[in-house]
Amino acid sequence: MMADEKEKSTKKQVPLRLSEKLYNELMRWAEDDFRSVNGQIEYLLTECVKYRRKHGKKDDED
């Protein structure tokens, strides 16, 4: 199994409720970046986690 296929097979499905306004904003942003809405949400969350690891709370502060 290729690495990309393995990553896809280990992804979790998460039900998510968004307001219509937020969904529409994400949809427009996703279209601008040539992504699906789901792909855009995953990208944004990944970037936020990277930022938090670099700038955010340290493990010993939990």
C-alpha atoms as a PDB file:
ATOM      1  CA  MET A   1       0.000   0.000   0.000  1.00  0.00           C
ATOM      2  CA  MET A   2       1.371   3.414  -0.948  1.00  0.00           C
ATOM      3  CA  ALA A   3       1.865   6.053   1.775  1.00  0.00           C
ATOM      4  CA  ASP A   4      -0.954   8.192   0.361  1.00  0.00           C
ATOM      5  CA  GLU A   5      -3.360   5.240   0.384  1.00  0.00           C
ATOM      6  CA  LYS A   6      -2.350   4.327   3.934  1.00  0.00           C
ATOM      7  CA  GLU A   7      -2.988   7.894   5.137  1.00  0.00           C
ATOM      8  CA  LYS A   8      -6.448   7.861   3.546  1.00  0.00           C
ATOM      9  CA  SER A   9      -7.312   4.533   5.148  1.00  0.00           C
ATOM     10  CA  THR A  10      -6.393   5.836   8.607  1.00  0.00           C
ATOM     11  CA  LYS A  11      -8.418   9.050   8.436  1.00  0.00           C
ATOM     12  CA  LYS A  12     -11.234   9.471  10.932  1.00  0.00           C
ATOM     13  CA  GLN A  13     -14.676  10.629   9.941  1.00  0.00           C
ATOM     14  CA  VAL A  14     -15.980  13.429  12.140  1.00  0.00           C
ATOM     15  CA  PRO A  15     -19.494  14.827  11.962  1.00  0.00           C
ATOM     16  CA  LEU A  16     -19.285  18.603  11.845  1.00  0.00           C
ATOM     17  CA  ARG A  17     -22.027  21.198  12.117  1.00  0.00           C
ATOM     18  CA  LEU A  18     -21.363  24.585  10.549  1.00  0.00           C
ATOM     19  CA  SER A  19     -23.570  27.603  10.114  1.00  0.00           C
ATOM     20  CA  GLU A  20     -24.638  28.222   6.543  1.00  0.00           C
ATOM     21  CA  LYS A  21     -22.676  31.490   6.535  1.00  0.00           C
ATOM     22  CA  LEU A  22     -19.438  29.801   7.663  1.00  0.00           C
ATOM     23  CA  TYR A  23     -19.908  26.933   5.211  1.00  0.00           C
ATOM     24  CA  ASN A  24     -20.407  29.372   2.333  1.00  0.00           C
ATOM     25  CA  GLU A  25     -17.258  31.299   3.306  1.00  0.00           C
ATOM     26  CA  LEU A  26     -15.268  28.058   3.465  1.00  0.00           C
ATOM     27  CA  MET A  27     -16.716  26.958   0.124  1.00  0.00           C
ATOM     28  CA  ARG A  28     -15.611  30.197  -1.572  1.00  0.00           C
ATOM     29  CA  TRP A  29     -12.171  29.962   0.023  1.00  0.00           C
ATOM     30  CA  ALA A  30     -11.847  26.321  -1.011  1.00  0.00           C
ATOM     31  CA  GLU A  31     -12.766  27.190  -4.600  1.00  0.00           C
ATOM     32  CA  ASP A  32     -10.096  29.922  -4.611  1.00  0.00           C
ATOM     33  CA  ASP A  33      -7.515  27.341  -3.459  1.00  0.00           C
ATOM     34  CA  PHE A  34      -8.809  24.578  -5.801  1.00  0.00           C
ATOM     35  CA  ARG A  35      -9.819  22.336  -2.887  1.00  0.00           C
ATOM     36  CA  SER A  36     -13.013  20.688  -1.727  1.00  0.00           C
ATOM     37  CA  VAL A  37     -14.646  22.125   1.381  1.00  0.00           C
ATOM     38  CA  ASN A  38     -13.538  19.033   3.300  1.00  0.00           C
ATOM     39  CA  GLY A  39      -9.993  19.424   1.973  1.00  0.00           C
ATOM     40  CA  GLN A  40      -9.992  23.096   2.932  1.00  0.00           C
ATOM     41  CA  ILE A  41     -11.149  22.353   6.481  1.00  0.00           C
ATOM     42  CA  GLU A  42      -8.473  19.663   6.842  1.00  0.00           C
ATOM     43  CA  TYR A  43      -5.815  22.023   5.451  1.00  0.00           C
ATOM     44  CA  LEU A  44      -6.815  24.841   7.824  1.00  0.00           C
ATOM     45  CA  LEU A  45      -6.875  22.561  10.861  1.00  0.00           C
ATOM     46  CA  THR A  46      -3.469  21.132   9.914  1.00  0.00           C
ATOM     47  CA  GLU A  47      -2.026  24.641   9.618  1.00  0.00           C
ATOM     48  CA  CYS A  48      -3.524  25.639  12.983  1.00  0.00           C
ATOM     49  CA  VAL A  49      -2.013  22.594  14.686  1.00  0.00           C
ATOM     50  CA  LYS A  50       1.406  23.344  13.125  1.00  0.00           C
ATOM     51  CA  TYR A  51       1.149  26.958  14.306  1.00  0.00           C
ATOM     52  CA  ARG A  52       0.148  25.916  17.820  1.00  0.00           C
ATOM     53  CA  ARG A  53       3.062  23.486  18.034  1.00  0.00           C
ATOM     54  CA  LYS A  54       5.449  26.239  17.006  1.00  0.00           C
ATOM     55  CA  HIS A  55       3.967  29.211  18.884  1.00  0.00           C
ATOM     56  CA  GLY A  56       1.380  27.868  21.238  1.00  0.00           C
ATOM     57  CA  LYS A  57       1.146  26.287  24.599  1.00  0.00           C
ATOM     58  CA  LYS A  58       4.011  24.035  25.645  1.00  0.00           C
ATOM     59  CA  ASP A  59       3.247  20.482  26.851  1.00  0.00           C
ATOM     60  CA  ASP A  60       4.482  21.254  30.369  1.00  0.00           C
ATOM     61  CA  GLU A  61       1.922  24.080  30.650  1.00  0.00           C
ATOM     62  CA  ASP A  62      -1.078  21.730  30.320  1.00  0.00           C
END
